[in-house]
Amino acid sequence: MSVRRSITLALATLTATGLLAACGTSDPAADLAAPKGHKDGGVNIGPDQDRIRGKKVAAAADLVPEAIRKRGTLRIGASADASPPLGFYATDDKTRIGSEIDIATLVADTLGLKPQFEEVSWENLFVGLDSSKFDAVLSNVTVTEERKEKYDFATYRLDNIAFEAKKGSGWTVKEPADIAGKTISVSSGTNQEKILVEWSEENVKAGRKPVDIKYFQKDTDYYLALQSGRIDAHLGPSPTAAYHVATAGQSEIIGQLSGAGGDLQGKIAATTKKDSGLVKAYAAAIDHIVQDGSYGKVLKRWGLSGEAVEKSEINPPGLPKTKS
């Protein structure tokens, strides 16, 4: 989801007590980063990021296919619709920053390649992989069983999602019955949409009202709908929901669950075209940055320590296919 400067500037005015709640099983109000818009305190959201950088590791770089090693660049697809703290615009309104960009840069550094980013719409991330335009996508992509048929995955973060409602809504969400008859928005083509559709179907089978699902691709649009009362809640990535709660102070997280549904912890992964020969290189690079501590520093910087993984997994169990 795209982010306007007004939201970025709101981030810059926060004090050290209120931003970027960690996900995972921790309290959404805990483990906060403290961005102030200054290099000497909290998270720098200016265009000159002074990112944490890595160095080439031969053992990982040697796993990269020869053609890509000779080219010297890693072509990375990033979603133009991403939101803070995952991906957003710096204070110059044109430089993309965020946790996903930082991690992708570290992976490229470890592989001895220059990161080359291109921002496209969510659906075009996968089109780019299919056409070999991109070598990788690191943009909050959840591992799913359906996606595993076409893509290979190397995990680098846990995936949790959250229901965000207007502050003082007076309700919580733990199971499908809690949203029966409610108007909930979601972004199309996401695993959140699949879960919301499945919950609505469960409600119908149980004799309850279905969910009235609305679709928004931009966070600014769903947030306006939430505040005006056109929707009861929005289901999206937990880091994004926590950001809105902390920056605007007008909404609250009313429910949180794994991005893979009830019985499986969702995983976010570096995504590549199936059998491209790159997935082992990505996993090796991620394992290295986990071990050398640079990965942990990036997550801490953006308030995502609660979503850290201990090692990268290649093609782990993913979100089940939607039942037809």
Foldseek 3Di string as FASTA:
>chain_A
DADDLVLQVLLQCDAQQFAQAADAPDDSNPLHFGHNCDPVGAANLAQPRPADEDAADVVLLVLDDPVCVVVQAAEEEEENQADPQQWYHGNVRPHIHHLLVRVVRRLCRHNRGHYDYDYDHPVVNVVCQVVVVGQKYRYQAWQAPVVVVWKKWKFWWWFKKFKKAWPPLPAADDALVRQFPFEEEEAPPHLQVLQLQVSQVVQVVVVTHGYNYDYDSHPVVVVVCRVVVVGGIYMDTSSRSSRCCRSVVGMDTRYMDASQDDPDTITRTIMHTPPPSNNSSSQVSSQVCLVVVSSCVSCSSRNHNSTGDNGIDMNDHGRYDRDD
